[in-house]
Amino acid sequence: LPVDLYASDATEFLIEEGGIRLPFTAIPGLGVNAAQSVVEERKNGKFISIEEIQRRTKLSRSVLEVMEEMGCLGDLPKTSQVTLF
């Protein structure tokens, strides 16, 4: 199963119904410390944007771009700003 922002572990492969879930460290360029920061920060609540993920975790912009391309971030907007028009 693909890396998932809320279901993947930092470093361990997880056995789930339907397959084995990849850990965050399976993403090229994503190290252990950054992966652990995602797991810790998601305990504090859901992320509302990609911008917020970068602010709350140790993920670099380039890693977030790879995660976005891989579909790991779902349909999260890029910024936390609300459009009024």
C-alpha atoms as a PDB file:
ATOM      1  CA  LEU A   1       0.000   0.000   0.000  1.00  0.00           C
ATOM      2  CA  PRO A   2       1.271   3.515  -0.707  1.00  0.00           C
ATOM      3  CA  VAL A   3       2.632   5.955   1.846  1.00  0.00           C
ATOM      4  CA  ASP A   4      -0.258   7.712   3.579  1.00  0.00           C
ATOM      5  CA  LEU A   5       0.003  10.901   5.632  1.00  0.00           C
ATOM      6  CA  TYR A   6      -2.149   9.475   8.439  1.00  0.00           C
ATOM      7  CA  ALA A   7      -1.638   5.701   8.148  1.00  0.00           C
ATOM      8  CA  SER A   8       2.096   5.198   7.531  1.00  0.00           C
ATOM      9  CA  ASP A   9       4.680   4.672  10.259  1.00  0.00           C
ATOM     10  CA  ALA A  10       7.961   6.597  10.260  1.00  0.00           C
ATOM     11  CA  THR A  11      10.210   3.597   9.541  1.00  0.00           C
ATOM     12  CA  GLU A  12       8.238   0.366   9.835  1.00  0.00           C
ATOM     13  CA  PHE A  13       6.228  -1.451   7.177  1.00  0.00           C
ATOM     14  CA  LEU A  14       2.703  -2.040   8.517  1.00  0.00           C
ATOM     15  CA  ILE A  15       0.572  -5.072   7.740  1.00  0.00           C
ATOM     16  CA  GLU A  16      -2.971  -3.963   6.931  1.00  0.00           C
ATOM     17  CA  GLU A  17      -5.970  -5.576   5.373  1.00  0.00           C
ATOM     18  CA  GLY A  18      -5.234  -5.551   1.662  1.00  0.00           C
ATOM     19  CA  GLY A  19      -1.447  -5.294   1.824  1.00  0.00           C
ATOM     20  CA  ILE A  20       1.635  -3.848   3.442  1.00  0.00           C
ATOM     21  CA  ARG A  21       1.747  -0.086   4.058  1.00  0.00           C
ATOM     22  CA  LEU A  22       5.026   1.631   3.139  1.00  0.00           C
ATOM     23  CA  PRO A  23       6.714   3.832   5.782  1.00  0.00           C
ATOM     24  CA  PHE A  24       7.612   7.489   5.262  1.00  0.00           C
ATOM     25  CA  THR A  25      11.285   6.574   4.894  1.00  0.00           C
ATOM     26  CA  ALA A  26      10.400   4.756   1.660  1.00  0.00           C
ATOM     27  CA  ILE A  27      10.105   8.202   0.055  1.00  0.00           C
ATOM     28  CA  PRO A  28      13.376   9.266  -1.610  1.00  0.00           C
ATOM     29  CA  GLY A  29      15.139  11.964   0.394  1.00  0.00           C
ATOM     30  CA  LEU A  30      12.966  11.587   3.506  1.00  0.00           C
ATOM     31  CA  GLY A  31      15.120  10.720   6.503  1.00  0.00           C
ATOM     32  CA  VAL A  32      14.261   9.146   9.841  1.00  0.00           C
ATOM     33  CA  ASN A  33      14.105  12.428  11.817  1.00  0.00           C
ATOM     34  CA  ALA A  34      11.772  14.057   9.306  1.00  0.00           C
ATOM     35  CA  ALA A  35       9.594  10.922   9.179  1.00  0.00           C
ATOM     36  CA  GLN A  36       9.339  10.858  12.970  1.00  0.00           C
ATOM     37  CA  SER A  37       8.397  14.545  13.011  1.00  0.00           C
ATOM     38  CA  VAL A  38       5.393  13.788  10.767  1.00  0.00           C
ATOM     39  CA  VAL A  39       4.233  10.968  13.040  1.00  0.00           C
ATOM     40  CA  GLU A  40       4.591  13.201  16.117  1.00  0.00           C
ATOM     41  CA  GLU A  41       2.865  16.222  14.591  1.00  0.00           C
ATOM     42  CA  ARG A  42      -0.131  14.305  13.279  1.00  0.00           C
ATOM     43  CA  LYS A  43      -0.874  13.385  16.917  1.00  0.00           C
ATOM     44  CA  ASN A  44      -1.520  17.108  17.457  1.00  0.00           C
ATOM     45  CA  GLY A  45      -4.303  17.182  14.882  1.00  0.00           C
ATOM     46  CA  LYS A  46      -4.950  16.932  11.184  1.00  0.00           C
ATOM     47  CA  PHE A  47      -3.003  19.047   8.738  1.00  0.00           C
ATOM     48  CA  ILE A  48      -5.040  21.656   6.868  1.00  0.00           C
ATOM     49  CA  SER A  49      -2.561  22.384   4.059  1.00  0.00           C
ATOM     50  CA  ILE A  50       0.796  21.427   2.579  1.00  0.00           C
ATOM     51  CA  GLU A  51       2.118  24.745   3.862  1.00  0.00           C
ATOM     52  CA  GLU A  52       1.138  23.731   7.405  1.00  0.00           C
ATOM     53  CA  ILE A  53       2.841  20.337   7.067  1.00  0.00           C
ATOM     54  CA  GLN A  54       6.079  22.086   6.152  1.00  0.00           C
ATOM     55  CA  ARG A  55       5.719  24.515   9.062  1.00  0.00           C
ATOM     56  CA  ARG A  56       4.945  21.813  11.659  1.00  0.00           C
ATOM     57  CA  THR A  57       7.381  19.116  10.516  1.00  0.00           C
ATOM     58  CA  LYS A  58      10.968  18.769   9.363  1.00  0.00           C
ATOM     59  CA  LEU A  59       9.950  18.008   5.771  1.00  0.00           C
ATOM     60  CA  SER A  60      11.679  19.990   3.045  1.00  0.00           C
ATOM     61  CA  ARG A  61       9.804  21.557   0.151  1.00  0.00           C
ATOM     62  CA  SER A  62      11.379  19.084  -2.286  1.00  0.00           C
ATOM     63  CA  VAL A  63      10.249  16.078  -0.213  1.00  0.00           C
ATOM     64  CA  LEU A  64       6.740  17.537   0.021  1.00  0.00           C
ATOM     65  CA  GLU A  65       6.693  17.884  -3.769  1.00  0.00           C
ATOM     66  CA  VAL A  66       7.631  14.206  -4.134  1.00  0.00           C
ATOM     67  CA  MET A  67       4.953  13.248  -1.602  1.00  0.00           C
ATOM     68  CA  GLU A  68       2.400  15.295  -3.529  1.00  0.00           C
ATOM     69  CA  GLU A  69       3.370  13.609  -6.809  1.00  0.00           C
ATOM     70  CA  MET A  70       3.061  10.192  -5.148  1.00  0.00           C
ATOM     71  CA  GLY A  71      -0.437  11.042  -3.873  1.00  0.00           C
ATOM     72  CA  CYS A  72       0.571  10.812  -0.198  1.00  0.00           C
ATOM     73  CA  LEU A  73      -1.057  14.121   0.721  1.00  0.00           C
ATOM     74  CA  GLY A  74      -4.515  13.426  -0.622  1.00  0.00           C
ATOM     75  CA  ASP A  75      -6.416  16.538  -1.635  1.00  0.00           C
ATOM     76  CA  LEU A  76      -4.764  18.968   0.792  1.00  0.00           C
ATOM     77  CA  PRO A  77      -4.566  22.524  -0.552  1.00  0.00           C
ATOM     78  CA  LYS A  78      -1.128  24.078  -0.975  1.00  0.00           C
ATOM     79  CA  THR A  79      -1.799  26.981   1.406  1.00  0.00           C
ATOM     80  CA  SER A  80      -3.915  27.620   4.469  1.00  0.00           C
ATOM     81  CA  GLN A  81      -5.399  30.829   3.042  1.00  0.00           C
ATOM     82  CA  VAL A  82      -9.104  30.984   2.376  1.00  0.00           C
ATOM     83  CA  THR A  83     -10.285  32.558  -0.864  1.00  0.00           C
ATOM     84  CA  LEU A  84     -13.141  35.008  -0.406  1.00  0.00           C
ATOM     85  CA  PHE A  85     -14.037  35.384  -4.091  1.00  0.00           C
END
